Amino acid sequence: MSAREIDDYLANLEEPKRTTLQKLRQTILSIIPQGEQGIAYGCPAFRMHGKVVAGFAAFKDHLSYLPHSGSVFKQIPEEVARYHTSSGALQFPIDTPLPKALVNRLIDLRLKEVLKQ
């Protein structure tokens, strides 16, 4: 895994997707600066303790935050209620970065899962 892979992924996106996801990347790195960056399942991802704990992806009409866990969103239904979620993705607008507090909460929950394994 390497940060260059994420650089390449972002370079191939049109605006405003690129800028919004660059902001999300910086938010993630501010929360887990020691996170290993790279691509997992074809999407930018961040590993801690050998496990992917956060990721994101761009689609035609939305962006997605990927916790790489099917149980994270279920733990905080009120905090993610304004977003469309599935078990593995939280969709958000292409021009609106996710709030840092929410990203911090999502990563915190995922890290707790990883450390219990």
N, C-alpha and C. Protein backbone atom coordinates (compact mmCIF):
# COMPACT_ATOMS: atom_id res chain seq x y z
N MET A 1 0.85 -1.18 0.00
CA MET A 1 0.00 0.00 0.00
C MET A 1 0.89 1.24 0.00
N SER A 2 0.43 2.28 -0.72
CA SER A 2 1.20 3.52 -0.71
C SER A 2 0.28 4.70 -0.94
N ALA A 3 0.71 5.84 -0.40
CA ALA A 3 -0.04 7.09 -0.57
C ALA A 3 -0.15 7.45 -2.05
N ARG A 4 0.83 7.05 -2.84
CA ARG A 4 0.84 7.37 -4.27
C ARG A 4 -0.40 6.79 -4.97
N GLU A 5 -0.84 5.63 -4.52
CA GLU A 5 -2.03 5.02 -5.10
C GLU A 5 -3.26 5.91 -4.90
N ILE A 6 -3.36 6.52 -3.74
CA ILE A 6 -4.48 7.43 -3.48
C ILE A 6 -4.31 8.70 -4.29
N ASP A 7 -3.07 9.19 -4.41
CA ASP A 7 -2.81 10.37 -5.25
C ASP A 7 -3.31 10.11 -6.67
N ASP A 8 -3.00 8.95 -7.21
CA ASP A 8 -3.40 8.60 -8.58
C ASP A 8 -4.92 8.50 -8.68
N TYR A 9 -5.56 7.90 -7.70
CA TYR A 9 -7.02 7.77 -7.69
C TYR A 9 -7.66 9.16 -7.75
N LEU A 10 -7.19 10.05 -6.88
CA LEU A 10 -7.77 11.40 -6.82
C LEU A 10 -7.49 12.20 -8.09
N ALA A 11 -6.31 12.03 -8.67
CA ALA A 11 -5.94 12.77 -9.88
C ALA A 11 -6.87 12.46 -11.04
N ASN A 12 -7.49 11.29 -11.03
CA ASN A 12 -8.37 10.88 -12.13
C ASN A 12 -9.83 11.30 -11.93
N LEU A 13 -10.11 12.03 -10.86
CA LEU A 13 -11.48 12.48 -10.60
C LEU A 13 -11.69 13.90 -11.11
N GLU A 14 -12.93 14.19 -11.51
CA GLU A 14 -13.28 15.56 -11.88
C GLU A 14 -13.66 16.34 -10.62
N GLU A 15 -13.67 17.64 -10.78
CA GLU A 15 -14.11 18.51 -9.68
C GLU A 15 -15.63 18.52 -9.64
N PRO A 16 -16.27 18.69 -8.50
CA PRO A 16 -15.68 18.92 -7.17
C PRO A 16 -15.37 17.64 -6.41
N LYS A 17 -15.53 16.48 -7.05
CA LYS A 17 -15.26 15.22 -6.35
C LYS A 17 -13.84 15.17 -5.80
N ARG A 18 -12.87 15.59 -6.64
CA ARG A 18 -11.47 15.52 -6.23
C ARG A 18 -11.21 16.34 -4.96
N THR A 19 -11.66 17.57 -4.96
CA THR A 19 -11.42 18.44 -3.82
C THR A 19 -12.13 17.94 -2.56
N THR A 20 -13.35 17.48 -2.71
CA THR A 20 -14.10 16.97 -1.55
C THR A 20 -13.41 15.76 -0.96
N LEU A 21 -12.95 14.84 -1.80
CA LEU A 21 -12.28 13.66 -1.28
C LEU A 21 -10.87 13.96 -0.78
N GLN A 22 -10.22 14.97 -1.33
CA GLN A 22 -8.92 15.39 -0.79
C GLN A 22 -9.11 15.92 0.64
N LYS A 23 -10.20 16.64 0.85
CA LYS A 23 -10.49 17.14 2.20
C LYS A 23 -10.77 15.98 3.15
N LEU A 24 -11.50 14.97 2.68
CA LEU A 24 -11.78 13.81 3.52
C LEU A 24 -10.47 13.07 3.84
N ARG A 25 -9.62 12.94 2.85
CA ARG A 25 -8.32 12.30 3.09
C ARG A 25 -7.54 13.04 4.18
N GLN A 26 -7.50 14.35 4.09
CA GLN A 26 -6.78 15.14 5.10
C GLN A 26 -7.43 14.99 6.47
N THR A 27 -8.74 14.93 6.51
CA THR A 27 -9.44 14.73 7.78
C THR A 27 -9.05 13.39 8.38
N ILE A 28 -9.08 12.35 7.57
CA ILE A 28 -8.71 11.01 8.06
C ILE A 28 -7.27 11.02 8.58
N LEU A 29 -6.36 11.62 7.82
CA LEU A 29 -4.96 11.65 8.23
C LEU A 29 -4.75 12.50 9.48
N SER A 30 -5.58 13.49 9.70
CA SER A 30 -5.45 14.29 10.93
C SER A 30 -5.90 13.47 12.15
N ILE A 31 -6.76 12.50 11.92
CA ILE A 31 -7.27 11.65 13.00
C ILE A 31 -6.33 10.46 13.24
N ILE A 32 -5.85 9.87 12.16
CA ILE A 32 -4.91 8.74 12.27
C ILE A 32 -3.68 9.03 11.41
N PRO A 33 -2.83 9.94 11.85
CA PRO A 33 -1.66 10.32 11.03
C PRO A 33 -0.72 9.15 10.75
N GLN A 34 -0.74 8.14 11.58
CA GLN A 34 0.11 6.97 11.39
C GLN A 34 -0.55 5.92 10.50
N GLY A 35 -1.75 6.21 10.00
CA GLY A 35 -2.45 5.26 9.14
C GLY A 35 -1.70 5.00 7.85
N GLU A 36 -1.68 3.74 7.44
CA GLU A 36 -1.03 3.35 6.19
C GLU A 36 -2.03 3.57 5.05
N GLN A 37 -1.61 4.35 4.06
CA GLN A 37 -2.47 4.69 2.93
C GLN A 37 -2.26 3.75 1.76
N GLY A 38 -3.34 3.49 1.03
CA GLY A 38 -3.24 2.68 -0.17
C GLY A 38 -4.61 2.39 -0.75
N ILE A 39 -4.69 1.38 -1.57
CA ILE A 39 -5.94 0.98 -2.21
C ILE A 39 -6.36 -0.39 -1.67
N ALA A 40 -7.62 -0.52 -1.32
CA ALA A 40 -8.19 -1.80 -0.91
C ALA A 40 -9.53 -1.95 -1.61
N TYR A 41 -9.74 -3.07 -2.25
CA TYR A 41 -10.97 -3.32 -3.00
C TYR A 41 -11.22 -2.24 -4.04
N GLY A 42 -10.15 -1.70 -4.61
CA GLY A 42 -10.24 -0.70 -5.66
C GLY A 42 -10.50 0.72 -5.20
N CYS A 43 -10.51 0.94 -3.88
CA CYS A 43 -10.83 2.26 -3.33
C CYS A 43 -9.73 2.71 -2.38
N PRO A 44 -9.53 4.03 -2.25
CA PRO A 44 -8.58 4.53 -1.26
C PRO A 44 -8.94 4.02 0.14
N ALA A 45 -7.90 3.62 0.88
CA ALA A 45 -8.13 3.02 2.18
C ALA A 45 -6.98 3.37 3.13
N PHE A 46 -7.27 3.26 4.41
CA PHE A 46 -6.32 3.58 5.47
C PHE A 46 -6.30 2.42 6.45
N ARG A 47 -5.12 1.86 6.68
CA ARG A 47 -4.97 0.70 7.57
C ARG A 47 -4.32 1.11 8.89
N MET A 48 -4.81 0.43 9.92
CA MET A 48 -4.22 0.53 11.25
C MET A 48 -4.20 -0.87 11.82
N HIS A 49 -3.11 -1.26 12.46
CA HIS A 49 -3.01 -2.57 13.08
C HIS A 49 -3.30 -3.69 12.08
N GLY A 50 -2.92 -3.46 10.81
CA GLY A 50 -3.10 -4.47 9.78
C GLY A 50 -4.48 -4.59 9.18
N LYS A 51 -5.41 -3.76 9.63
CA LYS A 51 -6.80 -3.81 9.14
C LYS A 51 -7.19 -2.47 8.54
N VAL A 52 -8.03 -2.51 7.51
CA VAL A 52 -8.56 -1.27 6.94
C VAL A 52 -9.58 -0.70 7.91
N VAL A 53 -9.41 0.58 8.26
CA VAL A 53 -10.30 1.22 9.22
C VAL A 53 -11.11 2.36 8.62
N ALA A 54 -10.74 2.79 7.43
CA ALA A 54 -11.48 3.87 6.77
C ALA A 54 -11.15 3.85 5.28
N GLY A 55 -12.10 4.33 4.49
CA GLY A 55 -11.88 4.41 3.07
C GLY A 55 -12.93 5.30 2.43
N PHE A 56 -12.75 5.56 1.15
CA PHE A 56 -13.73 6.36 0.43
C PHE A 56 -13.74 6.00 -1.04
N ALA A 57 -14.77 6.45 -1.72
CA ALA A 57 -14.91 6.17 -3.15
C ALA A 57 -15.77 7.24 -3.80
N ALA A 58 -15.54 7.43 -5.10
CA ALA A 58 -16.33 8.37 -5.89
C ALA A 58 -17.22 7.60 -6.86
N PHE A 59 -18.45 8.06 -6.98
CA PHE A 59 -19.41 7.49 -7.91
C PHE A 59 -20.00 8.61 -8.75
N LYS A 60 -20.85 8.27 -9.69
CA LYS A 60 -21.39 9.28 -10.61
C LYS A 60 -22.07 10.44 -9.90
N ASP A 61 -22.98 10.14 -8.97
CA ASP A 61 -23.79 11.18 -8.35
C ASP A 61 -23.56 11.37 -6.86
N HIS A 62 -22.59 10.67 -6.28
CA HIS A 62 -22.32 10.82 -4.85
C HIS A 62 -20.91 10.31 -4.54
N LEU A 63 -20.50 10.58 -3.32
CA LEU A 63 -19.27 10.04 -2.77
C LEU A 63 -19.64 9.10 -1.63
N SER A 64 -18.76 8.20 -1.28
CA SER A 64 -19.03 7.28 -0.18
C SER A 64 -17.87 7.23 0.80
N TYR A 65 -18.22 7.18 2.08
CA TYR A 65 -17.27 6.88 3.15
C TYR A 65 -17.44 5.39 3.44
N LEU A 66 -16.34 4.67 3.55
CA LEU A 66 -16.37 3.23 3.73
C LEU A 66 -15.66 2.85 5.03
N PRO A 67 -16.40 2.38 6.02
CA PRO A 67 -15.76 2.02 7.29
C PRO A 67 -15.11 0.64 7.29
N HIS A 68 -15.35 -0.14 6.24
CA HIS A 68 -14.85 -1.52 6.14
C HIS A 68 -15.31 -2.36 7.32
N SER A 69 -16.57 -2.14 7.67
CA SER A 69 -17.23 -2.88 8.73
C SER A 69 -18.72 -2.78 8.51
N GLY A 70 -19.42 -3.86 8.74
CA GLY A 70 -20.86 -3.84 8.59
C GLY A 70 -21.62 -3.40 9.82
N SER A 71 -20.92 -3.07 10.90
CA SER A 71 -21.62 -2.74 12.14
C SER A 71 -21.42 -1.31 12.64
N VAL A 72 -20.52 -0.55 12.04
CA VAL A 72 -20.22 0.80 12.53
C VAL A 72 -21.45 1.71 12.49
N PHE A 73 -22.13 1.79 11.37
CA PHE A 73 -23.26 2.71 11.24
C PHE A 73 -24.40 2.34 12.18
N LYS A 74 -24.57 1.05 12.43
CA LYS A 74 -25.63 0.59 13.34
C LYS A 74 -25.43 1.10 14.76
N GLN A 75 -24.20 1.39 15.12
CA GLN A 75 -23.89 1.85 16.47
C GLN A 75 -24.24 3.32 16.69
N ILE A 76 -24.37 4.08 15.62
CA ILE A 76 -24.65 5.52 15.75
C ILE A 76 -25.74 5.97 14.77
N PRO A 77 -26.92 5.37 14.85
CA PRO A 77 -27.96 5.68 13.86
C PRO A 77 -28.36 7.16 13.82
N GLU A 78 -28.37 7.82 14.96
CA GLU A 78 -28.76 9.24 14.97
C GLU A 78 -27.72 10.11 14.25
N GLU A 79 -26.45 9.77 14.40
CA GLU A 79 -25.38 10.57 13.82
C GLU A 79 -25.29 10.43 12.30
N VAL A 80 -25.77 9.32 11.77
CA VAL A 80 -25.71 9.10 10.32
C VAL A 80 -27.09 9.19 9.66
N ALA A 81 -28.10 9.56 10.42
CA ALA A 81 -29.47 9.57 9.92
C ALA A 81 -29.67 10.49 8.71
N ARG A 82 -28.92 11.56 8.61
CA ARG A 82 -29.13 12.49 7.49
C ARG A 82 -28.50 12.01 6.18
N TYR A 83 -27.77 10.89 6.25
CA TYR A 83 -27.10 10.33 5.08
C TYR A 83 -27.77 9.02 4.67
N HIS A 84 -27.62 8.66 3.40
CA HIS A 84 -28.07 7.36 2.94
C HIS A 84 -26.95 6.38 3.29
N THR A 85 -27.31 5.33 4.03
CA THR A 85 -26.31 4.34 4.40
C THR A 85 -26.77 2.93 4.02
N SER A 86 -25.79 2.09 3.78
CA SER A 86 -25.99 0.65 3.67
C SER A 86 -25.09 0.08 4.77
N SER A 87 -24.96 -1.21 4.86
CA SER A 87 -24.11 -1.75 5.91
C SER A 87 -22.64 -1.36 5.72
N GLY A 88 -22.23 -1.10 4.48
CA GLY A 88 -20.83 -0.83 4.23
C GLY A 88 -20.47 0.51 3.65
N ALA A 89 -21.44 1.42 3.48
CA ALA A 89 -21.13 2.72 2.87
C ALA A 89 -22.08 3.80 3.37
N LEU A 90 -21.52 4.98 3.49
CA LEU A 90 -22.30 6.17 3.82
C LEU A 90 -22.14 7.12 2.64
N GLN A 91 -23.25 7.44 1.98
CA GLN A 91 -23.21 8.32 0.80
C GLN A 91 -23.34 9.77 1.22
N PHE A 92 -22.54 10.64 0.58
CA PHE A 92 -22.63 12.07 0.83
C PHE A 92 -22.44 12.83 -0.48
N PRO A 93 -22.89 14.10 -0.52
CA PRO A 93 -22.84 14.87 -1.76
C PRO A 93 -21.41 15.10 -2.26
N ILE A 94 -21.30 15.23 -3.58
CA ILE A 94 -19.98 15.37 -4.20
C ILE A 94 -19.30 16.70 -3.86
N ASP A 95 -20.05 17.65 -3.35
CA ASP A 95 -19.46 18.97 -3.08
C ASP A 95 -19.50 19.36 -1.60
N THR A 96 -19.73 18.37 -0.73
CA THR A 96 -19.86 18.68 0.71
C THR A 96 -19.05 17.68 1.53
N PRO A 97 -17.91 18.10 2.05
CA PRO A 97 -17.11 17.18 2.87
C PRO A 97 -17.86 16.75 4.14
N LEU A 98 -17.54 15.56 4.61
CA LEU A 98 -18.13 15.09 5.87
C LEU A 98 -17.54 15.89 7.03
N PRO A 99 -18.34 16.15 8.05
CA PRO A 99 -17.83 16.85 9.22
C PRO A 99 -16.74 16.03 9.92
N LYS A 100 -15.70 16.71 10.37
CA LYS A 100 -14.59 16.03 11.03
C LYS A 100 -15.07 15.24 12.25
N ALA A 101 -16.00 15.79 13.00
CA ALA A 101 -16.49 15.10 14.20
C ALA A 101 -17.11 13.75 13.84
N LEU A 102 -17.83 13.69 12.73
CA LEU A 102 -18.43 12.42 12.31
C LEU A 102 -17.35 11.43 11.87
N VAL A 103 -16.40 11.89 11.08
CA VAL A 103 -15.32 11.02 10.62
C VAL A 103 -14.54 10.50 11.83
N ASN A 104 -14.29 11.35 12.78
CA ASN A 104 -13.58 10.94 13.99
C ASN A 104 -14.35 9.83 14.72
N ARG A 105 -15.64 10.01 14.83
CA ARG A 105 -16.49 9.02 15.51
C ARG A 105 -16.48 7.68 14.76
N LEU A 106 -16.58 7.74 13.44
CA LEU A 106 -16.58 6.52 12.62
C LEU A 106 -15.26 5.77 12.76
N ILE A 107 -14.17 6.50 12.71
CA ILE A 107 -12.85 5.86 12.84
C ILE A 107 -12.67 5.30 14.24
N ASP A 108 -13.09 6.03 15.25
CA ASP A 108 -12.99 5.56 16.63
C ASP A 108 -13.72 4.24 16.82
N LEU A 109 -14.94 4.16 16.29
CA LEU A 109 -15.72 2.92 16.42
C LEU A 109 -15.04 1.76 15.69
N ARG A 110 -14.53 2.02 14.51
CA ARG A 110 -13.86 0.96 13.74
C ARG A 110 -12.57 0.52 14.43
N LEU A 111 -11.81 1.45 14.96
CA LEU A 111 -10.59 1.08 15.67
C LEU A 111 -10.89 0.21 16.89
N LYS A 112 -11.96 0.51 17.59
CA LYS A 112 -12.35 -0.31 18.73
C LYS A 112 -12.65 -1.74 18.29
N GLU A 113 -13.30 -1.89 17.13
CA GLU A 113 -13.57 -3.22 16.58
C GLU A 113 -12.26 -3.95 16.26
N VAL A 114 -11.37 -3.25 15.60
CA VAL A 114 -10.10 -3.84 15.18
C VAL A 114 -9.30 -4.30 16.39
N LEU A 115 -9.26 -3.49 17.41
CA LEU A 115 -8.46 -3.82 18.59
C LEU A 115 -9.04 -4.96 19.40
N LYS A 116 -10.34 -5.25 19.25
CA LYS A 116 -10.97 -6.37 19.95
C LYS A 116 -10.70 -7.70 19.24
N GLN A 117 -10.33 -7.65 17.97
CA GLN A 117 -10.13 -8.87 17.18
C GLN A 117 -8.87 -9.60 17.59
